[in-house]
């Protein structure tokens, strides 16, 4: 059985002092450029405004079509997770996405792996920081941590990413030109 990631039922359980990396910490330029390589647009939402397309509610990122919505207080892991949902979809299916991208366990698992690879592209982030933030936020995996999942229990997700051309045979992210 796949080791599916489970978001917390409410971000209200997460304490602000956890030190989870947020967009305000890294700025929007690098994430915006990364998402653009995949044909996605990052739109900044005003502070304290509702985030369009957010499945879990603010401050979690939202998705509608090819647009990812986030605020300065949005966790980087949330932005990359929601963007990952759009990245794993064929471009012709992205337009119909609003808030909830998939009910596929394998796609969810692939996104959990992909978001760490995307984090490696962002200056000052990287997969290890992202994995720690995912754990602190409340993602759960049967091996106890995001890192253990990705490194020891996600072969099906890695295979899926390879089959869909998002990583190469060595597990390196394939970035569009």
N, C-alpha and C. Protein backbone atom coordinates (compact mmCIF):
# COMPACT_ATOMS: atom_id res chain seq x y z
N UNK A 1 0.84 -1.18 0.00
CA UNK A 1 0.00 0.00 0.00
C UNK A 1 0.88 1.24 0.00
N UNK A 2 0.57 2.24 -0.84
CA UNK A 2 1.38 3.45 -0.90
C UNK A 2 1.38 4.19 0.44
N UNK A 3 2.44 4.91 0.67
CA UNK A 3 2.57 5.72 1.87
C UNK A 3 2.12 7.13 1.54
N UNK A 4 0.83 7.35 1.57
CA UNK A 4 0.25 8.63 1.16
C UNK A 4 0.50 9.72 2.20
N UNK A 5 0.81 10.89 1.71
CA UNK A 5 0.98 12.05 2.59
C UNK A 5 -0.38 12.55 3.01
N UNK A 6 -0.49 12.92 4.25
CA UNK A 6 -1.73 13.46 4.75
C UNK A 6 -1.43 14.84 5.33
N UNK A 7 -2.09 15.86 4.79
CA UNK A 7 -1.96 17.20 5.37
C UNK A 7 -2.68 17.21 6.70
N UNK A 8 -2.34 18.15 7.56
CA UNK A 8 -3.11 18.28 8.79
C UNK A 8 -4.54 18.67 8.44
N UNK A 9 -5.49 18.30 9.27
CA UNK A 9 -6.88 18.66 8.99
C UNK A 9 -7.10 20.16 9.11
N UNK A 10 -6.27 20.83 9.85
CA UNK A 10 -6.39 22.27 9.98
C UNK A 10 -5.01 22.85 10.25
N UNK A 11 -4.66 23.88 9.52
CA UNK A 11 -3.38 24.53 9.78
C UNK A 11 -3.41 25.28 11.11
N UNK A 12 -4.58 25.42 11.69
CA UNK A 12 -4.68 26.11 12.98
C UNK A 12 -3.91 25.37 14.06
N UNK A 13 -3.69 24.07 13.86
CA UNK A 13 -2.92 23.28 14.83
C UNK A 13 -1.43 23.62 14.77
N UNK A 14 -0.98 24.20 13.67
CA UNK A 14 0.43 24.54 13.51
C UNK A 14 0.69 25.87 14.21
N UNK A 15 1.67 25.90 15.06
CA UNK A 15 1.99 27.11 15.79
C UNK A 15 2.84 28.02 14.93
N UNK A 16 2.57 29.34 14.96
CA UNK A 16 3.35 30.27 14.15
C UNK A 16 4.84 30.23 14.45
N UNK A 17 5.24 29.84 15.63
CA UNK A 17 6.65 29.83 16.01
C UNK A 17 7.43 28.63 15.50
N UNK A 18 6.80 27.77 14.70
CA UNK A 18 7.50 26.58 14.23
C UNK A 18 8.68 26.91 13.32
N UNK A 19 8.71 28.09 12.77
CA UNK A 19 9.83 28.45 11.91
C UNK A 19 9.75 27.86 10.52
N UNK A 20 8.56 27.50 10.08
CA UNK A 20 8.39 26.98 8.73
C UNK A 20 8.70 28.10 7.74
N UNK A 21 9.48 27.78 6.73
CA UNK A 21 9.88 28.75 5.72
C UNK A 21 8.66 29.22 4.94
N UNK A 22 8.51 30.53 4.83
CA UNK A 22 7.37 31.12 4.13
C UNK A 22 7.85 31.95 2.95
N UNK A 23 6.93 32.28 2.06
CA UNK A 23 7.31 33.06 0.88
C UNK A 23 7.98 34.37 1.25
N UNK A 24 7.55 35.00 2.31
CA UNK A 24 8.17 36.26 2.74
C UNK A 24 9.66 36.07 3.01
N UNK A 25 10.06 34.86 3.40
CA UNK A 25 11.46 34.58 3.71
C UNK A 25 12.33 34.45 2.48
N UNK A 26 11.75 34.06 1.35
CA UNK A 26 12.56 33.82 0.15
C UNK A 26 12.21 34.74 -1.01
N UNK A 27 11.12 35.49 -0.89
CA UNK A 27 10.69 36.37 -1.97
C UNK A 27 9.93 35.60 -3.05
N UNK A 28 9.38 36.33 -3.98
CA UNK A 28 8.56 35.73 -5.03
C UNK A 28 9.30 35.50 -6.34
N UNK A 29 10.42 36.18 -6.55
CA UNK A 29 11.08 36.11 -7.85
C UNK A 29 11.49 34.70 -8.25
N UNK A 30 12.21 34.00 -7.38
CA UNK A 30 12.69 32.66 -7.73
C UNK A 30 11.52 31.67 -7.88
N UNK A 31 10.54 31.64 -6.95
CA UNK A 31 9.40 30.74 -7.16
C UNK A 31 8.62 31.08 -8.43
N UNK A 32 8.44 32.36 -8.70
CA UNK A 32 7.70 32.78 -9.91
C UNK A 32 8.43 32.29 -11.16
N UNK A 33 9.74 32.44 -11.20
CA UNK A 33 10.52 31.99 -12.36
C UNK A 33 10.47 30.47 -12.51
N UNK A 34 10.56 29.75 -11.40
CA UNK A 34 10.49 28.29 -11.44
C UNK A 34 9.15 27.83 -11.98
N UNK A 35 8.06 28.37 -11.45
CA UNK A 35 6.74 27.97 -11.91
C UNK A 35 6.53 28.31 -13.38
N UNK A 36 7.05 29.46 -13.81
CA UNK A 36 6.90 29.87 -15.21
C UNK A 36 7.54 28.85 -16.16
N UNK A 37 8.61 28.21 -15.73
CA UNK A 37 9.26 27.19 -16.58
C UNK A 37 8.31 26.04 -16.89
N UNK A 38 7.34 25.82 -16.01
CA UNK A 38 6.37 24.75 -16.19
C UNK A 38 5.04 25.28 -16.75
N UNK A 39 5.03 26.54 -17.19
CA UNK A 39 3.81 27.12 -17.76
C UNK A 39 2.80 27.57 -16.73
N UNK A 40 3.25 27.81 -15.50
CA UNK A 40 2.37 28.22 -14.42
C UNK A 40 2.63 29.68 -14.03
N UNK A 41 1.62 30.31 -13.49
CA UNK A 41 1.71 31.69 -13.03
C UNK A 41 1.55 31.72 -11.52
N UNK A 42 2.39 32.47 -10.85
CA UNK A 42 2.27 32.68 -9.40
C UNK A 42 1.68 34.06 -9.17
N UNK A 43 0.55 34.11 -8.47
CA UNK A 43 -0.11 35.38 -8.16
C UNK A 43 -0.05 35.59 -6.66
N UNK A 44 0.46 36.75 -6.25
CA UNK A 44 0.51 37.08 -4.84
C UNK A 44 -0.83 37.65 -4.40
N UNK A 45 -1.33 37.14 -3.29
CA UNK A 45 -2.59 37.58 -2.71
C UNK A 45 -2.25 38.56 -1.58
N UNK A 46 -3.09 39.56 -1.41
CA UNK A 46 -2.87 40.57 -0.36
C UNK A 46 -2.87 39.92 1.03
N UNK A 47 -2.09 40.49 1.95
CA UNK A 47 -2.07 39.97 3.32
C UNK A 47 -3.49 39.88 3.90
N UNK A 48 -3.76 38.80 4.59
CA UNK A 48 -5.04 38.55 5.26
C UNK A 48 -6.23 38.35 4.32
N UNK A 49 -6.01 38.42 3.01
CA UNK A 49 -7.09 38.14 2.06
C UNK A 49 -7.24 36.62 1.90
N UNK A 50 -8.44 36.15 1.61
CA UNK A 50 -8.60 34.72 1.33
C UNK A 50 -7.76 34.34 0.11
N UNK A 51 -7.27 33.11 0.11
CA UNK A 51 -6.45 32.64 -1.01
C UNK A 51 -7.35 31.84 -1.95
N UNK A 52 -7.55 32.34 -3.17
CA UNK A 52 -8.39 31.62 -4.13
C UNK A 52 -7.86 30.20 -4.37
N UNK A 53 -8.75 29.25 -4.45
CA UNK A 53 -8.37 27.88 -4.79
C UNK A 53 -7.61 27.14 -3.72
N UNK A 54 -7.62 27.64 -2.48
CA UNK A 54 -6.91 26.97 -1.39
C UNK A 54 -7.77 25.86 -0.82
N UNK A 55 -7.31 24.63 -0.92
CA UNK A 55 -8.04 23.48 -0.42
C UNK A 55 -8.17 23.51 1.10
N UNK A 56 -7.08 23.89 1.78
CA UNK A 56 -7.03 23.87 3.24
C UNK A 56 -7.34 25.22 3.87
N UNK A 57 -7.44 26.26 3.05
CA UNK A 57 -7.64 27.60 3.58
C UNK A 57 -6.32 28.30 3.85
N UNK A 58 -6.39 29.60 4.00
CA UNK A 58 -5.19 30.40 4.22
C UNK A 58 -4.49 29.95 5.50
N UNK A 59 -3.17 29.95 5.49
CA UNK A 59 -2.26 30.51 4.51
C UNK A 59 -1.81 29.54 3.41
N UNK A 60 -2.47 28.38 3.30
CA UNK A 60 -2.08 27.40 2.29
C UNK A 60 -2.31 27.94 0.88
N UNK A 61 -1.43 27.58 -0.05
CA UNK A 61 -1.53 28.01 -1.44
C UNK A 61 -2.80 27.46 -2.08
N UNK A 62 -3.21 28.12 -3.14
CA UNK A 62 -4.38 27.68 -3.89
C UNK A 62 -4.06 27.53 -5.37
N UNK A 63 -4.88 26.76 -6.06
CA UNK A 63 -4.69 26.55 -7.50
C UNK A 63 -6.02 26.66 -8.23
N UNK A 64 -5.96 27.39 -9.33
CA UNK A 64 -7.09 27.49 -10.26
C UNK A 64 -6.47 27.55 -11.65
N UNK A 65 -6.80 26.56 -12.47
CA UNK A 65 -6.22 26.51 -13.81
C UNK A 65 -4.71 26.40 -13.73
N UNK A 66 -4.03 27.29 -14.43
CA UNK A 66 -2.56 27.28 -14.43
C UNK A 66 -1.98 28.30 -13.46
N UNK A 67 -2.81 28.78 -12.55
CA UNK A 67 -2.38 29.81 -11.61
C UNK A 67 -2.29 29.25 -10.19
N UNK A 68 -1.19 29.59 -9.53
CA UNK A 68 -0.98 29.25 -8.13
C UNK A 68 -1.08 30.56 -7.35
N UNK A 69 -1.91 30.56 -6.33
CA UNK A 69 -2.14 31.74 -5.50
C UNK A 69 -1.48 31.54 -4.14
N UNK A 70 -0.83 32.60 -3.65
CA UNK A 70 -0.16 32.51 -2.35
C UNK A 70 0.00 33.90 -1.77
N UNK A 71 0.15 33.93 -0.44
CA UNK A 71 0.43 35.18 0.27
C UNK A 71 1.85 35.12 0.82
N UNK A 72 2.30 36.22 1.36
CA UNK A 72 3.64 36.26 1.95
C UNK A 72 3.78 35.25 3.09
N UNK A 73 2.67 34.95 3.79
CA UNK A 73 2.74 34.01 4.91
C UNK A 73 2.48 32.56 4.48
N UNK A 74 2.35 32.31 3.19
CA UNK A 74 2.15 30.95 2.69
C UNK A 74 3.45 30.16 2.87
N UNK A 75 3.39 28.98 3.46
CA UNK A 75 4.59 28.16 3.56
C UNK A 75 5.11 27.76 2.18
N UNK A 76 6.41 27.77 2.03
CA UNK A 76 7.02 27.38 0.76
C UNK A 76 6.62 25.96 0.39
N UNK A 77 6.54 25.06 1.38
CA UNK A 77 6.16 23.68 1.08
C UNK A 77 4.76 23.62 0.48
N UNK A 78 3.86 24.48 0.93
CA UNK A 78 2.50 24.50 0.40
C UNK A 78 2.49 25.00 -1.04
N UNK A 79 3.23 26.07 -1.30
CA UNK A 79 3.33 26.58 -2.67
C UNK A 79 3.84 25.50 -3.61
N UNK A 80 4.91 24.81 -3.23
CA UNK A 80 5.51 23.80 -4.09
C UNK A 80 4.61 22.57 -4.22
N UNK A 81 3.88 22.24 -3.18
CA UNK A 81 2.97 21.10 -3.25
C UNK A 81 1.84 21.39 -4.24
N UNK A 82 1.21 22.53 -4.10
CA UNK A 82 0.10 22.86 -5.00
C UNK A 82 0.59 23.04 -6.43
N UNK A 83 1.73 23.69 -6.61
CA UNK A 83 2.30 23.81 -7.96
C UNK A 83 2.61 22.42 -8.52
N UNK A 84 3.11 21.54 -7.66
CA UNK A 84 3.41 20.17 -8.08
C UNK A 84 2.19 19.47 -8.63
N UNK A 85 1.04 19.71 -8.02
CA UNK A 85 -0.19 19.11 -8.53
C UNK A 85 -0.45 19.53 -9.98
N UNK A 86 -0.19 20.78 -10.29
CA UNK A 86 -0.39 21.23 -11.67
C UNK A 86 0.70 20.71 -12.59
N UNK A 87 1.93 20.64 -12.10
CA UNK A 87 3.05 20.17 -12.91
C UNK A 87 2.86 18.73 -13.34
N UNK A 88 2.32 17.87 -12.47
CA UNK A 88 2.17 16.46 -12.84
C UNK A 88 1.03 16.23 -13.83
N UNK A 89 0.17 17.21 -13.99
CA UNK A 89 -0.94 17.06 -14.93
C UNK A 89 -0.51 17.42 -16.34
N UNK A 90 -1.06 16.74 -17.34
CA UNK A 90 -0.82 17.18 -18.71
C UNK A 90 -1.38 18.60 -18.88
N UNK A 91 -0.72 19.45 -19.66
CA UNK A 91 -1.17 20.84 -19.82
C UNK A 91 -2.65 20.98 -20.19
N UNK A 92 -3.20 20.06 -20.99
CA UNK A 92 -4.59 20.19 -21.40
C UNK A 92 -5.57 19.92 -20.25
N UNK A 93 -5.13 19.31 -19.18
CA UNK A 93 -6.01 19.04 -18.03
C UNK A 93 -5.92 20.12 -16.95
N UNK A 94 -4.91 20.96 -17.03
CA UNK A 94 -4.72 21.98 -16.00
C UNK A 94 -5.85 23.00 -15.97
N UNK A 95 -6.38 23.36 -17.13
CA UNK A 95 -7.41 24.41 -17.20
C UNK A 95 -8.64 24.08 -16.37
N UNK A 96 -8.93 22.82 -16.19
CA UNK A 96 -10.15 22.43 -15.46
C UNK A 96 -9.94 22.32 -13.95
N UNK A 97 -8.72 22.53 -13.48
CA UNK A 97 -8.43 22.39 -12.04
C UNK A 97 -8.94 23.62 -11.29
N UNK A 98 -9.63 23.34 -10.20
CA UNK A 98 -10.05 24.41 -9.28
C UNK A 98 -10.01 23.83 -7.88
N UNK A 99 -9.02 24.24 -7.10
CA UNK A 99 -8.86 23.90 -5.69
C UNK A 99 -8.33 22.48 -5.44
N UNK A 100 -8.97 21.47 -5.99
CA UNK A 100 -8.58 20.08 -5.74
C UNK A 100 -8.12 19.47 -7.06
N UNK A 101 -6.83 19.16 -7.16
CA UNK A 101 -6.26 18.73 -8.43
C UNK A 101 -6.45 17.25 -8.73
N UNK A 102 -6.54 16.42 -7.71
CA UNK A 102 -6.58 14.99 -8.00
C UNK A 102 -7.17 14.20 -6.84
N UNK A 103 -7.66 13.03 -7.16
CA UNK A 103 -8.03 12.06 -6.14
C UNK A 103 -7.17 10.81 -6.29
N UNK A 104 -6.10 10.93 -7.08
CA UNK A 104 -5.19 9.82 -7.35
C UNK A 104 -4.12 9.73 -6.28
N UNK A 105 -4.02 8.58 -5.62
CA UNK A 105 -3.01 8.37 -4.59
C UNK A 105 -1.61 8.46 -5.20
N UNK A 106 -1.39 7.86 -6.35
CA UNK A 106 -0.06 7.88 -6.95
C UNK A 106 0.35 9.30 -7.34
N UNK A 107 -0.58 10.09 -7.84
CA UNK A 107 -0.24 11.48 -8.15
C UNK A 107 0.10 12.25 -6.88
N UNK A 108 -0.66 12.03 -5.82
CA UNK A 108 -0.37 12.70 -4.54
C UNK A 108 1.02 12.31 -4.05
N UNK A 109 1.34 11.04 -4.13
CA UNK A 109 2.66 10.57 -3.71
C UNK A 109 3.76 11.19 -4.57
N UNK A 110 3.52 11.23 -5.88
CA UNK A 110 4.51 11.82 -6.79
C UNK A 110 4.73 13.30 -6.48
N UNK A 111 3.66 14.00 -6.16
CA UNK A 111 3.77 15.42 -5.81
C UNK A 111 4.60 15.60 -4.54
N UNK A 112 4.43 14.72 -3.57
CA UNK A 112 5.22 14.83 -2.33
C UNK A 112 6.71 14.65 -2.59
N UNK A 113 7.07 13.80 -3.55
CA UNK A 113 8.47 13.66 -3.94
C UNK A 113 8.91 14.88 -4.75
N UNK A 114 8.08 15.27 -5.71
CA UNK A 114 8.41 16.37 -6.61
C UNK A 114 8.66 17.68 -5.86
N UNK A 115 7.89 17.96 -4.83
CA UNK A 115 8.06 19.25 -4.16
C UNK A 115 9.45 19.39 -3.55
N UNK A 116 10.06 18.30 -3.12
CA UNK A 116 11.44 18.37 -2.62
C UNK A 116 12.43 18.67 -3.73
N UNK A 117 12.19 18.10 -4.91
CA UNK A 117 13.06 18.37 -6.06
C UNK A 117 12.93 19.82 -6.50
N UNK A 118 11.72 20.34 -6.47
CA UNK A 118 11.51 21.74 -6.81
C UNK A 118 12.20 22.64 -5.78
N UNK A 119 12.19 22.25 -4.53
CA UNK A 119 12.83 23.04 -3.46
C UNK A 119 14.33 23.16 -3.69
N UNK A 120 14.93 22.13 -4.29
CA UNK A 120 16.37 22.18 -4.57
C UNK A 120 16.72 23.28 -5.57
N UNK A 121 15.76 23.70 -6.38
CA UNK A 121 15.99 24.73 -7.39
C UNK A 121 15.90 26.13 -6.77
N UNK A 122 15.23 26.25 -5.65
CA UNK A 122 15.04 27.56 -5.03
C UNK A 122 16.19 27.90 -4.09
N UNK A 123 16.86 29.04 -4.32
CA UNK A 123 17.96 29.44 -3.44
C UNK A 123 17.49 29.55 -1.98
N UNK A 124 18.28 28.98 -1.09
CA UNK A 124 17.98 29.06 0.33
C UNK A 124 16.91 28.10 0.82
N UNK A 125 16.45 27.19 -0.03
CA UNK A 125 15.43 26.25 0.40
C UNK A 125 16.03 24.85 0.44
N UNK A 126 15.95 24.09 -0.63
CA UNK A 126 16.51 22.74 -0.68
C UNK A 126 15.59 21.71 -0.07
N UNK A 127 15.78 20.48 -0.49
CA UNK A 127 14.88 19.39 -0.08
C UNK A 127 14.90 19.11 1.42
N UNK A 128 16.06 19.17 2.05
CA UNK A 128 16.12 18.84 3.47
C UNK A 128 15.33 19.84 4.32
N UNK A 129 15.45 21.11 3.99
CA UNK A 129 14.67 22.13 4.71
C UNK A 129 13.19 21.92 4.45
N UNK A 130 12.83 21.66 3.19
CA UNK A 130 11.44 21.47 2.85
C UNK A 130 10.85 20.26 3.57
N UNK A 131 11.60 19.16 3.60
CA UNK A 131 11.12 17.96 4.28
C UNK A 131 10.89 18.23 5.77
N UNK A 132 11.80 18.95 6.39
CA UNK A 132 11.64 19.28 7.82
C UNK A 132 10.39 20.14 8.02
N UNK A 133 10.16 21.08 7.11
CA UNK A 133 8.98 21.92 7.20
C UNK A 133 7.70 21.11 7.01
N UNK A 134 7.73 20.16 6.08
CA UNK A 134 6.57 19.29 5.87
C UNK A 134 6.26 18.51 7.14
N UNK A 135 7.28 17.98 7.77
CA UNK A 135 7.08 17.24 9.02
C UNK A 135 6.52 18.15 10.11
N UNK A 136 7.08 19.34 10.24
CA UNK A 136 6.62 20.28 11.26
C UNK A 136 5.18 20.71 11.02
N UNK A 137 4.78 20.81 9.76
CA UNK A 137 3.44 21.27 9.42
C UNK A 137 2.39 20.19 9.68
N UNK A 138 2.81 18.94 9.62
CA UNK A 138 1.87 17.88 9.92
C UNK A 138 1.66 16.84 8.84
N UNK A 139 2.46 16.86 7.78
CA UNK A 139 2.39 15.76 6.82
C UNK A 139 2.74 14.48 7.57
N UNK A 140 2.11 13.39 7.22
CA UNK A 140 2.42 12.13 7.89
C UNK A 140 2.70 11.03 6.88
N UNK A 141 3.64 10.19 7.22
CA UNK A 141 4.02 9.04 6.39
C UNK A 141 4.23 7.84 7.30
N UNK A 142 4.04 6.67 6.77
CA UNK A 142 4.12 5.48 7.62
C UNK A 142 5.51 5.22 8.19
N UNK A 143 6.56 5.73 7.56
CA UNK A 143 7.90 5.56 8.11
C UNK A 143 8.27 6.67 9.09
N UNK A 144 7.37 7.62 9.29
CA UNK A 144 7.57 8.61 10.33
C UNK A 144 8.09 9.97 9.91
N UNK A 145 8.64 10.09 8.71
CA UNK A 145 9.12 11.40 8.26
C UNK A 145 9.07 11.48 6.74
N UNK A 146 9.05 12.72 6.27
CA UNK A 146 9.05 12.94 4.83
C UNK A 146 10.33 12.39 4.22
N UNK A 147 11.46 12.65 4.84
CA UNK A 147 12.73 12.17 4.30
C UNK A 147 12.74 10.65 4.19
N UNK A 148 12.30 9.96 5.23
CA UNK A 148 12.26 8.50 5.18
C UNK A 148 11.35 8.02 4.06
N UNK A 149 10.22 8.68 3.89
CA UNK A 149 9.31 8.32 2.80
C UNK A 149 10.01 8.45 1.45
N UNK A 150 10.56 9.62 1.17
CA UNK A 150 11.16 9.89 -0.14
C UNK A 150 12.35 8.97 -0.41
N UNK A 151 13.17 8.75 0.60
CA UNK A 151 14.39 7.97 0.40
C UNK A 151 14.19 6.45 0.50
N UNK A 152 13.14 5.98 1.21
CA UNK A 152 13.02 4.55 1.46
C UNK A 152 11.69 3.91 1.06
N UNK A 153 10.68 4.73 0.77
CA UNK A 153 9.34 4.16 0.63
C UNK A 153 8.56 4.73 -0.56
N UNK A 154 9.21 5.44 -1.43
CA UNK A 154 8.48 6.13 -2.50
C UNK A 154 8.85 5.65 -3.90
N UNK A 155 9.33 4.42 -4.02
CA UNK A 155 9.76 3.96 -5.34
C UNK A 155 8.65 4.07 -6.38
N UNK A 156 7.42 3.78 -5.98
CA UNK A 156 6.30 3.91 -6.92
C UNK A 156 6.14 5.36 -7.39
N UNK A 157 6.35 6.32 -6.51
CA UNK A 157 6.27 7.73 -6.88
C UNK A 157 7.42 8.12 -7.80
N UNK A 158 8.63 7.65 -7.47
CA UNK A 158 9.78 7.91 -8.34
C UNK A 158 9.54 7.32 -9.73
N UNK A 159 9.03 6.09 -9.79
CA UNK A 159 8.73 5.46 -11.08
C UNK A 159 7.72 6.29 -11.86
N UNK A 160 6.69 6.75 -11.18
CA UNK A 160 5.66 7.57 -11.83
C UNK A 160 6.28 8.84 -12.41
N UNK A 161 7.12 9.50 -11.62
CA UNK A 161 7.77 10.73 -12.10
C UNK A 161 8.67 10.45 -13.31
N UNK A 162 9.39 9.31 -13.30
CA UNK A 162 10.22 8.92 -14.45
C UNK A 162 9.36 8.68 -15.67
N UNK A 163 8.30 7.91 -15.50
CA UNK A 163 7.42 7.57 -16.62
C UNK A 163 6.78 8.81 -17.24
N UNK A 164 6.60 9.84 -16.46
CA UNK A 164 5.98 11.06 -16.97
C UNK A 164 7.00 12.13 -17.35
N UNK A 165 8.28 11.75 -17.38
CA UNK A 165 9.33 12.66 -17.86
C UNK A 165 9.67 13.80 -16.94
N UNK A 166 9.32 13.70 -15.66
CA UNK A 166 9.62 14.78 -14.73
C UNK A 166 10.95 14.60 -14.02
N UNK A 167 11.46 13.37 -13.99
CA UNK A 167 12.81 13.10 -13.49
C UNK A 167 13.49 12.16 -14.48
N UNK A 168 14.80 12.21 -14.49
CA UNK A 168 15.55 11.31 -15.37
C UNK A 168 15.84 9.99 -14.64
N UNK A 169 16.58 9.11 -15.27
CA UNK A 169 16.86 7.79 -14.70
C UNK A 169 17.59 7.88 -13.35
N UNK A 170 18.34 8.95 -13.13
CA UNK A 170 19.07 9.15 -11.88
C UNK A 170 18.22 9.83 -10.81
N UNK A 171 16.98 10.20 -11.14
CA UNK A 171 16.12 10.86 -10.18
C UNK A 171 16.33 12.37 -10.10
N UNK A 172 16.93 12.93 -11.15
CA UNK A 172 17.15 14.37 -11.21
C UNK A 172 15.97 15.05 -11.89
N UNK A 173 15.51 16.16 -11.32
CA UNK A 173 14.40 16.90 -11.87
C UNK A 173 14.72 17.32 -13.31
N UNK A 174 13.78 17.13 -14.20
CA UNK A 174 13.91 17.56 -15.59
C UNK A 174 13.17 18.89 -15.70
N UNK A 175 13.92 19.95 -15.88
CA UNK A 175 13.33 21.28 -16.01
C UNK A 175 13.06 21.61 -17.47
N UNK A 176 11.87 22.11 -17.78
CA UNK A 176 11.61 22.55 -19.15
C UNK A 176 12.53 23.71 -19.51
N UNK A 177 12.86 23.80 -20.75
CA UNK A 177 13.74 24.90 -21.21
C UNK A 177 13.08 26.24 -21.12
